[in-house]
Every structure is written in C-alpha cells, then in structure tokens.
Amino acid sequence: MKIKFLSAVLAAMALMLASCDDSKSYAELLDDENFYVNNFLADNKVILDIPEDTIFQIGADAPYYRIDEEGRLYMQVLNAGTEGNMVTDDEQIYFRYTRWPLALYNGTLSTGTGNNTSLSAISFRYNNFQIPSSYQWGVGIQRPLAFLPIDCEVNLIVKSTLGPVDESADVQPYLYRLTYARPAN
C-alpha cells in the first residue's frame, strides 16, 4: 500500500516538474506585458512627453501621454478637473476605478471590474507609501495627481511594477479609468 502511494506521489511530482518547463521566465512575462501595452497603444495616439505647461488634450479621443521614461505609465485625460484644486502631500484622496486587463484586449475592451459602480469608497494618502492603504495600490494610480487637479478623470495604463503590490508578480498590465475626490466635510 505504501509503495503504491509513494509511486503515485512520485508520478504526480514528475508531472508537476515536467509542466514547469512550460512556465515563462520573468523576462518573458515582461516581454508579454510590453506586447499587451503596445497592442493597446497601437490603436491610440501616443505622446512621449508631458507638455511643459501641463495643458493636456482632453476627451475620449485625446492622446495617451507617457508619464515616465520607462514607459510604465500612460495617461489619457478625459476631464482635466478644476484649475487650482491640487493635492497636497499626505492628503487623503478617495478614488473610484474601473479596470481592464490589457492581456485580453483585442480591439475592444472586455467587461471591466472595480468599485466605480459600488458604494464602497477606497482611498490612499497622496505620496505616503508608509501606510498599507496607500502602498497596496502601488504608485501608479497616484501619478496623475502630480499633473492634474483632484477632480480629474483619466484613463491610465499601469504596468505591473507600478500597480497593486499583491498583483506585481502576475506581470499583467491594466487600463484604469480613475476619478478622484476629497473626503466630504
């Protein structure tokens, strides 16, 4: 009985090890992530630099602006918000989002997920990554507020290195539609 059990366990382990040969290396996953982002951006206009005056083209047909030199974030401004309504460091900001996995993009977006249509509000403290409520979302979703007022609305492509911390190992890029707000007084 023990021999049959041991044989079954060894056979299962051999199958698992053989299937490991099909897994991708981290470098291959990063290549896939770049492909997914480039595939999406191929259907859109892209500007490689943030305007010096930070006056962005606005709307559903606006270009995607590359936010960082490494191409990990791209932002399309849907609504530029109210002039002067800028965030301050450590300010609590609530946000709503819908996100789509770019790995599934084939010319149209699949059904998105998020809290955009729910009553649950989530928040972060701007530029304060010492607390879990900010750190868990990654730095990507906060970056538009470095350029735009709090009440803006953006589409944001976020690669895994700047996305939610608990998903970074998945190496999957997402398109987020984000709106931000201060807490109600």
N, C-alpha and C. Protein backbone atom coordinates (compact mmCIF):
# COMPACT_ATOMS: atom_id res chain seq x y z
N MET A 1 0.82 -1.19 0.00
CA MET A 1 0.00 0.00 0.00
C MET A 1 0.87 1.26 0.00
N LYS A 2 1.92 1.26 0.86
CA LYS A 2 2.81 2.39 0.93
C LYS A 2 3.56 2.59 -0.38
N ILE A 3 3.93 1.51 -1.02
CA ILE A 3 4.67 1.60 -2.28
C ILE A 3 3.79 2.21 -3.36
N LYS A 4 2.52 1.81 -3.42
CA LYS A 4 1.60 2.38 -4.41
C LYS A 4 1.41 3.88 -4.15
N PHE A 5 1.26 4.22 -2.88
CA PHE A 5 1.08 5.63 -2.53
C PHE A 5 2.32 6.43 -2.91
N LEU A 6 3.50 5.91 -2.54
CA LEU A 6 4.76 6.58 -2.86
C LEU A 6 4.94 6.70 -4.37
N SER A 7 4.58 5.67 -5.11
CA SER A 7 4.67 5.71 -6.57
C SER A 7 3.74 6.77 -7.14
N ALA A 8 2.53 6.86 -6.60
CA ALA A 8 1.58 7.87 -7.07
C ALA A 8 2.09 9.28 -6.78
N VAL A 9 2.67 9.49 -5.60
CA VAL A 9 3.22 10.80 -5.25
C VAL A 9 4.38 11.14 -6.18
N LEU A 10 5.28 10.19 -6.42
CA LEU A 10 6.41 10.44 -7.31
C LEU A 10 5.95 10.73 -8.74
N ALA A 11 4.93 10.03 -9.19
CA ALA A 11 4.40 10.27 -10.54
C ALA A 11 3.80 11.68 -10.62
N ALA A 12 3.07 12.06 -9.59
CA ALA A 12 2.47 13.40 -9.56
C ALA A 12 3.56 14.47 -9.56
N MET A 13 4.62 14.24 -8.77
CA MET A 13 5.72 15.20 -8.73
C MET A 13 6.43 15.29 -10.09
N ALA A 14 6.58 14.17 -10.75
CA ALA A 14 7.21 14.17 -12.07
C ALA A 14 6.37 14.97 -13.06
N LEU A 15 5.05 14.82 -13.00
CA LEU A 15 4.17 15.59 -13.87
C LEU A 15 4.27 17.08 -13.58
N MET A 16 4.32 17.42 -12.29
CA MET A 16 4.43 18.82 -11.93
C MET A 16 5.74 19.41 -12.41
N LEU A 17 6.82 18.67 -12.27
CA LEU A 17 8.12 19.17 -12.73
C LEU A 17 8.15 19.30 -14.24
N ALA A 18 7.54 18.36 -14.93
CA ALA A 18 7.50 18.44 -16.40
C ALA A 18 6.70 19.65 -16.84
N SER A 19 5.62 19.96 -16.12
CA SER A 19 4.82 21.10 -16.51
C SER A 19 5.52 22.41 -16.21
N CYS A 20 6.49 22.41 -15.32
CA CYS A 20 7.24 23.62 -15.02
C CYS A 20 8.04 24.09 -16.22
N ASP A 21 8.39 23.17 -17.12
CA ASP A 21 9.12 23.55 -18.31
C ASP A 21 8.31 24.47 -19.20
N ASP A 22 6.98 24.45 -19.07
CA ASP A 22 6.11 25.29 -19.88
C ASP A 22 5.96 26.69 -19.31
N SER A 23 6.41 26.93 -18.08
CA SER A 23 6.24 28.24 -17.48
C SER A 23 7.22 29.23 -18.11
N LYS A 24 6.85 30.50 -18.04
CA LYS A 24 7.68 31.54 -18.65
C LYS A 24 8.60 32.15 -17.61
N SER A 25 9.73 32.60 -18.08
CA SER A 25 10.66 33.32 -17.21
C SER A 25 10.10 34.71 -16.95
N TYR A 26 10.64 35.38 -15.96
CA TYR A 26 10.21 36.74 -15.66
C TYR A 26 10.46 37.65 -16.86
N ALA A 27 11.57 37.48 -17.52
CA ALA A 27 11.88 38.29 -18.71
C ALA A 27 10.84 38.07 -19.81
N GLU A 28 10.41 36.83 -19.98
CA GLU A 28 9.37 36.55 -20.98
C GLU A 28 8.03 37.16 -20.59
N LEU A 29 7.73 37.14 -19.30
CA LEU A 29 6.49 37.78 -18.83
C LEU A 29 6.53 39.28 -19.06
N LEU A 30 7.70 39.90 -18.85
CA LEU A 30 7.84 41.33 -19.12
C LEU A 30 7.69 41.63 -20.60
N ASP A 31 8.23 40.75 -21.45
CA ASP A 31 8.05 40.91 -22.90
C ASP A 31 6.57 40.84 -23.26
N ASP A 32 5.85 39.89 -22.67
CA ASP A 32 4.41 39.78 -22.91
C ASP A 32 3.70 41.05 -22.46
N GLU A 33 4.06 41.55 -21.29
CA GLU A 33 3.43 42.77 -20.77
C GLU A 33 3.65 43.93 -21.73
N ASN A 34 4.87 44.09 -22.22
CA ASN A 34 5.16 45.14 -23.21
C ASN A 34 4.33 44.96 -24.47
N PHE A 35 4.19 43.72 -24.91
CA PHE A 35 3.37 43.44 -26.09
C PHE A 35 1.92 43.88 -25.87
N TYR A 36 1.35 43.54 -24.72
CA TYR A 36 -0.05 43.89 -24.43
C TYR A 36 -0.24 45.40 -24.41
N VAL A 37 0.68 46.12 -23.80
CA VAL A 37 0.58 47.58 -23.75
C VAL A 37 0.73 48.16 -25.15
N ASN A 38 1.73 47.71 -25.89
CA ASN A 38 1.93 48.22 -27.25
C ASN A 38 0.76 47.88 -28.16
N ASN A 39 0.17 46.71 -27.98
CA ASN A 39 -1.00 46.32 -28.76
C ASN A 39 -2.16 47.29 -28.52
N PHE A 40 -2.37 47.66 -27.26
CA PHE A 40 -3.43 48.62 -26.95
C PHE A 40 -3.08 50.01 -27.50
N LEU A 41 -1.87 50.45 -27.27
CA LEU A 41 -1.48 51.79 -27.71
C LEU A 41 -1.44 51.93 -29.23
N ALA A 42 -1.29 50.84 -29.95
CA ALA A 42 -1.28 50.89 -31.41
C ALA A 42 -2.59 51.44 -31.96
N ASP A 43 -3.67 51.30 -31.19
CA ASP A 43 -4.97 51.82 -31.60
C ASP A 43 -5.23 53.23 -31.11
N ASN A 44 -4.22 53.87 -30.54
CA ASN A 44 -4.38 55.20 -29.95
C ASN A 44 -3.20 56.08 -30.32
N LYS A 45 -3.41 57.37 -30.22
CA LYS A 45 -2.32 58.32 -30.41
C LYS A 45 -1.53 58.37 -29.12
N VAL A 46 -0.20 58.42 -29.23
CA VAL A 46 0.68 58.45 -28.06
C VAL A 46 1.62 59.64 -28.18
N ILE A 47 1.76 60.37 -27.09
CA ILE A 47 2.74 61.46 -27.00
C ILE A 47 3.74 61.06 -25.92
N LEU A 48 5.02 61.12 -26.26
CA LEU A 48 6.05 60.58 -25.39
C LEU A 48 6.47 61.50 -24.25
N ASP A 49 6.01 62.74 -24.24
CA ASP A 49 6.40 63.68 -23.19
C ASP A 49 5.17 64.40 -22.64
N ILE A 50 5.23 64.72 -21.36
CA ILE A 50 4.20 65.55 -20.73
C ILE A 50 4.40 66.98 -21.23
N PRO A 51 3.33 67.68 -21.60
CA PRO A 51 3.51 69.07 -22.04
C PRO A 51 4.18 69.91 -20.95
N GLU A 52 5.10 70.77 -21.35
CA GLU A 52 5.82 71.59 -20.37
C GLU A 52 4.87 72.44 -19.54
N ASP A 53 3.79 72.93 -20.15
CA ASP A 53 2.82 73.75 -19.42
C ASP A 53 1.74 72.90 -18.75
N THR A 54 1.86 71.59 -18.83
CA THR A 54 0.89 70.61 -18.30
C THR A 54 -0.55 70.89 -18.74
N ILE A 55 -0.68 71.46 -19.94
CA ILE A 55 -2.01 71.61 -20.52
C ILE A 55 -2.17 70.45 -21.51
N PHE A 56 -3.05 69.53 -21.15
CA PHE A 56 -3.24 68.30 -21.89
C PHE A 56 -4.41 68.41 -22.86
N GLN A 57 -4.33 67.66 -23.94
CA GLN A 57 -5.52 67.48 -24.77
C GLN A 57 -6.50 66.64 -23.95
N ILE A 58 -7.79 66.93 -24.10
CA ILE A 58 -8.80 66.32 -23.23
C ILE A 58 -9.86 65.61 -24.06
N GLY A 59 -10.36 64.49 -23.53
CA GLY A 59 -11.50 63.81 -24.14
C GLY A 59 -11.19 62.37 -24.51
N ALA A 60 -12.23 61.70 -24.98
CA ALA A 60 -12.10 60.29 -25.34
C ALA A 60 -11.15 60.06 -26.52
N ASP A 61 -10.92 61.09 -27.34
CA ASP A 61 -10.01 60.97 -28.47
C ASP A 61 -8.64 61.59 -28.18
N ALA A 62 -8.43 62.02 -26.95
CA ALA A 62 -7.14 62.62 -26.57
C ALA A 62 -6.05 61.56 -26.62
N PRO A 63 -4.82 61.99 -26.80
CA PRO A 63 -3.72 61.02 -26.83
C PRO A 63 -3.40 60.47 -25.45
N TYR A 64 -2.66 59.40 -25.43
CA TYR A 64 -2.09 58.87 -24.20
C TYR A 64 -0.71 59.50 -24.06
N TYR A 65 -0.46 60.08 -22.90
CA TYR A 65 0.83 60.68 -22.60
C TYR A 65 1.67 59.70 -21.80
N ARG A 66 2.90 59.52 -22.22
CA ARG A 66 3.81 58.68 -21.44
C ARG A 66 4.23 59.49 -20.22
N ILE A 67 3.99 58.95 -19.05
CA ILE A 67 4.26 59.68 -17.81
C ILE A 67 5.68 59.46 -17.32
N ASP A 68 6.25 58.29 -17.54
CA ASP A 68 7.60 58.05 -17.06
C ASP A 68 8.48 57.58 -18.20
N GLU A 69 9.77 57.79 -18.04
CA GLU A 69 10.74 57.46 -19.10
C GLU A 69 10.75 55.97 -19.47
N GLU A 70 10.44 55.11 -18.51
CA GLU A 70 10.47 53.67 -18.74
C GLU A 70 9.21 53.16 -19.45
N GLY A 71 8.23 54.01 -19.64
CA GLY A 71 7.00 53.58 -20.32
C GLY A 71 6.15 52.64 -19.48
N ARG A 72 6.14 52.85 -18.17
CA ARG A 72 5.33 52.01 -17.29
C ARG A 72 3.95 52.59 -17.04
N LEU A 73 3.78 53.89 -17.34
CA LEU A 73 2.50 54.59 -17.16
C LEU A 73 2.20 55.45 -18.37
N TYR A 74 0.97 55.36 -18.84
CA TYR A 74 0.47 56.21 -19.92
C TYR A 74 -0.88 56.75 -19.48
N MET A 75 -1.09 58.05 -19.67
CA MET A 75 -2.31 58.69 -19.19
C MET A 75 -3.05 59.40 -20.32
N GLN A 76 -4.35 59.17 -20.38
CA GLN A 76 -5.24 59.90 -21.26
C GLN A 76 -6.15 60.73 -20.35
N VAL A 77 -6.23 62.02 -20.60
CA VAL A 77 -7.03 62.91 -19.76
C VAL A 77 -8.43 63.02 -20.35
N LEU A 78 -9.41 62.54 -19.61
CA LEU A 78 -10.81 62.61 -20.04
C LEU A 78 -11.46 63.90 -19.56
N ASN A 79 -11.09 64.34 -18.34
CA ASN A 79 -11.59 65.57 -17.75
C ASN A 79 -10.45 66.13 -16.92
N ALA A 80 -10.04 67.36 -17.21
CA ALA A 80 -8.87 67.95 -16.54
C ALA A 80 -9.17 68.46 -15.14
N GLY A 81 -10.42 68.47 -14.70
CA GLY A 81 -10.74 68.92 -13.36
C GLY A 81 -10.74 70.43 -13.23
N THR A 82 -10.83 70.89 -11.99
CA THR A 82 -10.94 72.31 -11.68
C THR A 82 -9.57 72.91 -11.41
N GLU A 83 -9.21 73.93 -12.16
CA GLU A 83 -7.91 74.56 -12.01
C GLU A 83 -7.68 74.98 -10.57
N GLY A 84 -6.49 74.68 -10.05
CA GLY A 84 -6.11 75.06 -8.70
C GLY A 84 -6.50 74.05 -7.62
N ASN A 85 -7.24 73.04 -7.97
CA ASN A 85 -7.72 72.05 -7.00
C ASN A 85 -6.69 70.92 -6.85
N MET A 86 -5.47 71.30 -6.50
CA MET A 86 -4.37 70.35 -6.48
C MET A 86 -4.26 69.64 -5.13
N VAL A 87 -3.70 68.46 -5.16
CA VAL A 87 -3.50 67.64 -3.98
C VAL A 87 -2.26 68.11 -3.21
N THR A 88 -2.24 67.84 -1.92
CA THR A 88 -1.06 68.12 -1.11
C THR A 88 -0.54 66.79 -0.56
N ASP A 89 0.74 66.74 -0.24
CA ASP A 89 1.33 65.51 0.31
C ASP A 89 0.57 65.05 1.54
N ASP A 90 0.37 63.76 1.64
CA ASP A 90 -0.29 63.07 2.74
C ASP A 90 -1.79 63.37 2.85
N GLU A 91 -2.35 64.02 1.85
CA GLU A 91 -3.79 64.29 1.85
C GLU A 91 -4.54 63.00 1.51
N GLN A 92 -5.63 62.76 2.23
CA GLN A 92 -6.44 61.58 1.94
C GLN A 92 -7.28 61.85 0.70
N ILE A 93 -7.18 60.92 -0.26
CA ILE A 93 -7.90 61.04 -1.52
C ILE A 93 -8.70 59.76 -1.74
N TYR A 94 -9.98 59.92 -2.01
CA TYR A 94 -10.82 58.78 -2.37
C TYR A 94 -10.78 58.63 -3.88
N PHE A 95 -10.89 57.39 -4.33
CA PHE A 95 -10.92 57.19 -5.77
C PHE A 95 -11.86 56.06 -6.14
N ARG A 96 -12.36 56.18 -7.35
CA ARG A 96 -13.18 55.14 -7.95
C ARG A 96 -12.49 54.72 -9.23
N TYR A 97 -12.64 53.45 -9.55
CA TYR A 97 -11.96 52.97 -10.74
C TYR A 97 -12.75 51.83 -11.39
N THR A 98 -12.50 51.71 -12.67
CA THR A 98 -12.83 50.51 -13.43
C THR A 98 -11.53 50.13 -14.11
N ARG A 99 -11.24 48.84 -14.18
CA ARG A 99 -10.01 48.44 -14.84
C ARG A 99 -10.26 47.25 -15.75
N TRP A 100 -9.41 47.20 -16.78
CA TRP A 100 -9.48 46.15 -17.79
C TRP A 100 -8.10 45.54 -17.97
N PRO A 101 -7.99 44.22 -18.00
CA PRO A 101 -6.69 43.59 -18.27
C PRO A 101 -6.33 43.75 -19.75
N LEU A 102 -5.19 44.32 -20.01
CA LEU A 102 -4.79 44.54 -21.41
C LEU A 102 -4.40 43.25 -22.11
N ALA A 103 -4.16 42.19 -21.36
CA ALA A 103 -3.87 40.90 -21.98
C ALA A 103 -5.08 40.38 -22.76
N LEU A 104 -6.27 40.85 -22.42
CA LEU A 104 -7.49 40.40 -23.10
C LEU A 104 -7.93 41.35 -24.21
N TYR A 105 -7.19 42.44 -24.41
CA TYR A 105 -7.58 43.43 -25.41
C TYR A 105 -7.40 42.88 -26.82
N ASN A 106 -8.47 42.97 -27.61
CA ASN A 106 -8.41 42.50 -29.00
C ASN A 106 -9.10 43.51 -29.92
N GLY A 107 -8.92 44.78 -29.64
CA GLY A 107 -9.59 45.83 -30.40
C GLY A 107 -10.76 46.42 -29.64
N THR A 108 -11.27 45.69 -28.68
CA THR A 108 -12.31 46.19 -27.78
C THR A 108 -11.95 45.76 -26.36
N LEU A 109 -12.49 46.50 -25.41
CA LEU A 109 -12.23 46.16 -24.01
C LEU A 109 -13.27 45.18 -23.51
N SER A 110 -12.83 44.24 -22.69
CA SER A 110 -13.74 43.30 -22.06
C SER A 110 -14.52 44.04 -20.97
N THR A 111 -15.32 43.34 -20.24
CA THR A 111 -16.04 43.93 -19.12
C THR A 111 -15.04 44.29 -18.03
N GLY A 112 -15.11 45.52 -17.55
CA GLY A 112 -14.18 45.97 -16.53
C GLY A 112 -14.64 45.60 -15.13
N THR A 113 -13.71 45.68 -14.20
CA THR A 113 -14.01 45.43 -12.79
C THR A 113 -13.55 46.63 -11.98
N GLY A 114 -14.04 46.75 -10.78
CA GLY A 114 -13.62 47.83 -9.90
C GLY A 114 -14.73 48.28 -8.99
N ASN A 115 -14.55 49.44 -8.40
CA ASN A 115 -15.54 49.96 -7.47
C ASN A 115 -16.32 51.15 -8.03
N ASN A 116 -16.23 51.37 -9.33
CA ASN A 116 -16.84 52.54 -9.94
C ASN A 116 -18.35 52.59 -9.78
N THR A 117 -19.00 51.46 -9.75
CA THR A 117 -20.46 51.46 -9.63
C THR A 117 -20.93 50.99 -8.25
N SER A 118 -20.02 50.81 -7.33
CA SER A 118 -20.42 50.34 -5.99
C SER A 118 -20.44 51.51 -5.01
N LEU A 119 -20.94 51.25 -3.84
CA LEU A 119 -20.97 52.27 -2.80
C LEU A 119 -19.69 52.28 -1.96
N SER A 120 -18.84 51.29 -2.18
CA SER A 120 -17.61 51.23 -1.39
C SER A 120 -16.61 52.27 -1.90
N ALA A 121 -16.06 53.00 -0.98
CA ALA A 121 -15.06 54.00 -1.32
C ALA A 121 -13.71 53.52 -0.80
N ILE A 122 -12.69 53.70 -1.59
CA ILE A 122 -11.34 53.35 -1.17
C ILE A 122 -10.48 54.60 -1.29
N SER A 123 -9.41 54.62 -0.53
CA SER A 123 -8.61 55.83 -0.50
C SER A 123 -7.13 55.50 -0.35
N PHE A 124 -6.34 56.53 -0.56
CA PHE A 124 -4.91 56.48 -0.28
C PHE A 124 -4.52 57.83 0.28
N ARG A 125 -3.34 57.90 0.85
CA ARG A 125 -2.78 59.18 1.27
C ARG A 125 -1.70 59.52 0.25
N TYR A 126 -1.89 60.64 -0.41
CA TYR A 126 -1.03 61.01 -1.53
C TYR A 126 0.44 61.09 -1.11
N ASN A 127 1.26 60.36 -1.84
CA ASN A 127 2.72 60.31 -1.64
C ASN A 127 3.14 59.75 -0.29
N ASN A 128 2.24 59.11 0.43
CA ASN A 128 2.60 58.49 1.70
C ASN A 128 2.51 56.97 1.52
N PHE A 129 3.63 56.36 1.20
CA PHE A 129 3.66 54.93 0.95
C PHE A 129 4.11 54.14 2.18
N GLN A 130 4.07 54.79 3.33
CA GLN A 130 4.40 54.11 4.58
C GLN A 130 3.20 53.38 5.16
N ILE A 131 2.01 53.71 4.70
CA ILE A 131 0.79 53.09 5.23
C ILE A 131 0.19 52.14 4.19
N PRO A 132 -0.33 51.02 4.65
CA PRO A 132 -0.84 50.00 3.72
C PRO A 132 -1.93 50.49 2.76
N SER A 133 -2.80 51.39 3.21
CA SER A 133 -3.89 51.84 2.33
C SER A 133 -3.36 52.57 1.10
N SER A 134 -2.19 53.14 1.19
CA SER A 134 -1.57 53.78 0.02
C SER A 134 -0.66 52.81 -0.72
N TYR A 135 0.15 52.10 0.03
CA TYR A 135 1.14 51.20 -0.55
C TYR A 135 0.50 50.08 -1.37
N GLN A 136 -0.63 49.54 -0.87
CA GLN A 136 -1.24 48.38 -1.53
C GLN A 136 -1.65 48.63 -2.97
N TRP A 137 -1.96 49.87 -3.32
CA TRP A 137 -2.41 50.18 -4.68
C TRP A 137 -1.25 50.46 -5.63
N GLY A 138 -0.06 50.55 -5.12
CA GLY A 138 1.09 50.88 -5.95
C GLY A 138 1.14 52.38 -6.20
N VAL A 139 2.20 52.83 -6.80
CA VAL A 139 2.37 54.26 -7.02
C VAL A 139 1.67 54.75 -8.28
N GLY A 140 1.35 53.86 -9.18
CA GLY A 140 0.80 54.26 -10.47
C GLY A 140 -0.47 55.07 -10.41
N ILE A 141 -1.44 54.64 -9.61
CA ILE A 141 -2.73 55.33 -9.62
C ILE A 141 -2.66 56.73 -9.04
N GLN A 142 -1.61 57.05 -8.30
CA GLN A 142 -1.48 58.39 -7.74
C GLN A 142 -0.83 59.39 -8.70
N ARG A 143 -0.08 58.90 -9.66
CA ARG A 143 0.74 59.77 -10.52
C ARG A 143 -0.04 60.83 -11.29
N PRO A 144 -1.27 60.58 -11.78
CA PRO A 144 -1.97 61.66 -12.48
C PRO A 144 -2.15 62.92 -11.63
N LEU A 145 -2.23 62.75 -10.31
CA LEU A 145 -2.43 63.91 -9.43
C LEU A 145 -1.19 64.78 -9.31
N ALA A 146 -0.07 64.34 -9.82
CA ALA A 146 1.12 65.18 -9.87
C ALA A 146 0.97 66.25 -10.97
N PHE A 147 0.03 66.02 -11.91
CA PHE A 147 -0.14 66.91 -13.05
C PHE A 147 -1.51 67.57 -13.12
N LEU A 148 -2.50 66.94 -12.49
CA LEU A 148 -3.89 67.36 -12.67
C LEU A 148 -4.58 67.61 -11.33
N PRO A 149 -5.63 68.42 -11.33
CA PRO A 149 -6.41 68.64 -10.11
C PRO A 149 -7.10 67.36 -9.63
N ILE A 150 -7.50 67.39 -8.37
CA ILE A 150 -8.10 66.21 -7.74
C ILE A 150 -9.35 65.72 -8.44
N ASP A 151 -10.17 66.62 -8.95
CA ASP A 151 -11.44 66.20 -9.57
C ASP A 151 -11.30 65.84 -11.05
N CYS A 152 -10.13 65.39 -11.44
CA CYS A 152 -9.92 64.98 -12.83
C CYS A 152 -10.46 63.56 -13.05
N GLU A 153 -10.54 63.19 -14.32
CA GLU A 153 -10.87 61.81 -14.71
C GLU A 153 -9.88 61.42 -15.79
N VAL A 154 -9.25 60.26 -15.61
CA VAL A 154 -8.23 59.81 -16.55
C VAL A 154 -8.39 58.34 -16.86
N ASN A 155 -7.87 57.96 -18.02
CA ASN A 155 -7.57 56.57 -18.32
C ASN A 155 -6.08 56.43 -18.08
N LEU A 156 -5.69 55.37 -17.40
CA LEU A 156 -4.29 55.20 -17.04
C LEU A 156 -3.86 53.77 -17.30
N ILE A 157 -2.85 53.61 -18.13
CA ILE A 157 -2.25 52.28 -18.34
C ILE A 157 -1.18 52.12 -17.27
N VAL A 158 -1.28 51.02 -16.51
CA VAL A 158 -0.35 50.77 -15.42
C VAL A 158 0.29 49.40 -15.62
N LYS A 159 1.60 49.41 -15.79
CA LYS A 159 2.32 48.14 -15.83
C LYS A 159 2.49 47.60 -14.42
N SER A 160 2.76 46.32 -14.32
CA SER A 160 2.75 45.61 -13.04
C SER A 160 3.70 46.19 -11.99
N THR A 161 4.82 46.73 -12.40
CA THR A 161 5.79 47.25 -11.41
C THR A 161 5.27 48.46 -10.66
N LEU A 162 4.25 49.14 -11.20
CA LEU A 162 3.68 50.31 -10.54
C LEU A 162 2.23 50.09 -10.11
N GLY A 163 1.75 48.86 -10.28
CA GLY A 163 0.37 48.53 -9.92
C GLY A 163 0.26 48.02 -8.51
N PRO A 164 -0.90 47.43 -8.19
CA PRO A 164 -1.12 46.89 -6.84
C PRO A 164 -0.01 45.91 -6.45
N VAL A 165 0.48 46.05 -5.25
CA VAL A 165 1.61 45.27 -4.77
C VAL A 165 1.32 43.77 -4.79
N ASP A 166 0.13 43.38 -4.39
CA ASP A 166 -0.17 41.95 -4.32
C ASP A 166 -0.38 41.32 -5.69
N GLU A 167 -0.36 42.12 -6.75
CA GLU A 167 -0.50 41.59 -8.10
C GLU A 167 0.76 41.73 -8.94
N SER A 168 1.81 42.30 -8.39
CA SER A 168 3.00 42.60 -9.20
C SER A 168 3.65 41.35 -9.78
N ALA A 169 3.58 40.24 -9.08
CA ALA A 169 4.19 39.01 -9.57
C ALA A 169 3.44 38.44 -10.78
N ASP A 170 2.20 38.87 -10.98
CA ASP A 170 1.42 38.39 -12.13
C ASP A 170 1.90 38.98 -13.45
N VAL A 171 2.62 40.11 -13.39
CA VAL A 171 3.17 40.80 -14.55
C VAL A 171 2.07 41.01 -15.60
N GLN A 172 0.99 41.64 -15.18
CA GLN A 172 -0.12 41.95 -16.07
C GLN A 172 -0.39 43.45 -16.07
N PRO A 173 -0.45 44.07 -17.24
CA PRO A 173 -0.79 45.49 -17.30
C PRO A 173 -2.31 45.67 -17.32
N TYR A 174 -2.75 46.81 -16.78
CA TYR A 174 -4.18 47.12 -16.75
C TYR A 174 -4.42 48.53 -17.26
N LEU A 175 -5.58 48.73 -17.83
CA LEU A 175 -6.08 50.05 -18.13
C LEU A 175 -7.06 50.40 -17.03
N TYR A 176 -6.83 51.52 -16.35
CA TYR A 176 -7.72 52.00 -15.30
C TYR A 176 -8.46 53.24 -15.80
N ARG A 177 -9.72 53.36 -15.49
CA ARG A 177 -10.43 54.63 -15.59
C ARG A 177 -10.60 55.09 -14.15
N LEU A 178 -10.03 56.25 -13.82
CA LEU A 178 -9.95 56.74 -12.45
C LEU A 178 -10.61 58.09 -12.28
N THR A 179 -11.32 58.24 -11.18
CA THR A 179 -11.79 59.55 -10.73
C THR A 179 -11.35 59.69 -9.27
N TYR A 180 -11.07 60.90 -8.88
CA TYR A 180 -10.55 61.19 -7.55
C TYR A 180 -11.44 62.20 -6.85
N ALA A 181 -11.44 62.19 -5.52
CA ALA A 181 -12.21 63.17 -4.75
C ALA A 181 -11.63 63.31 -3.35
N ARG A 182 -11.84 64.48 -2.79
CA ARG A 182 -11.52 64.68 -1.36
C ARG A 182 -12.65 64.10 -0.53
N PRO A 183 -12.36 63.77 0.73
CA PRO A 183 -13.44 63.32 1.62
C PRO A 183 -14.48 64.43 1.78
N ALA A 184 -15.75 64.05 1.88
CA ALA A 184 -16.81 65.03 2.12
C ALA A 184 -16.66 65.59 3.53
N ASN A 185 -16.87 66.89 3.67
CA ASN A 185 -16.74 67.51 5.01
C ASN A 185 -17.93 67.26 5.86
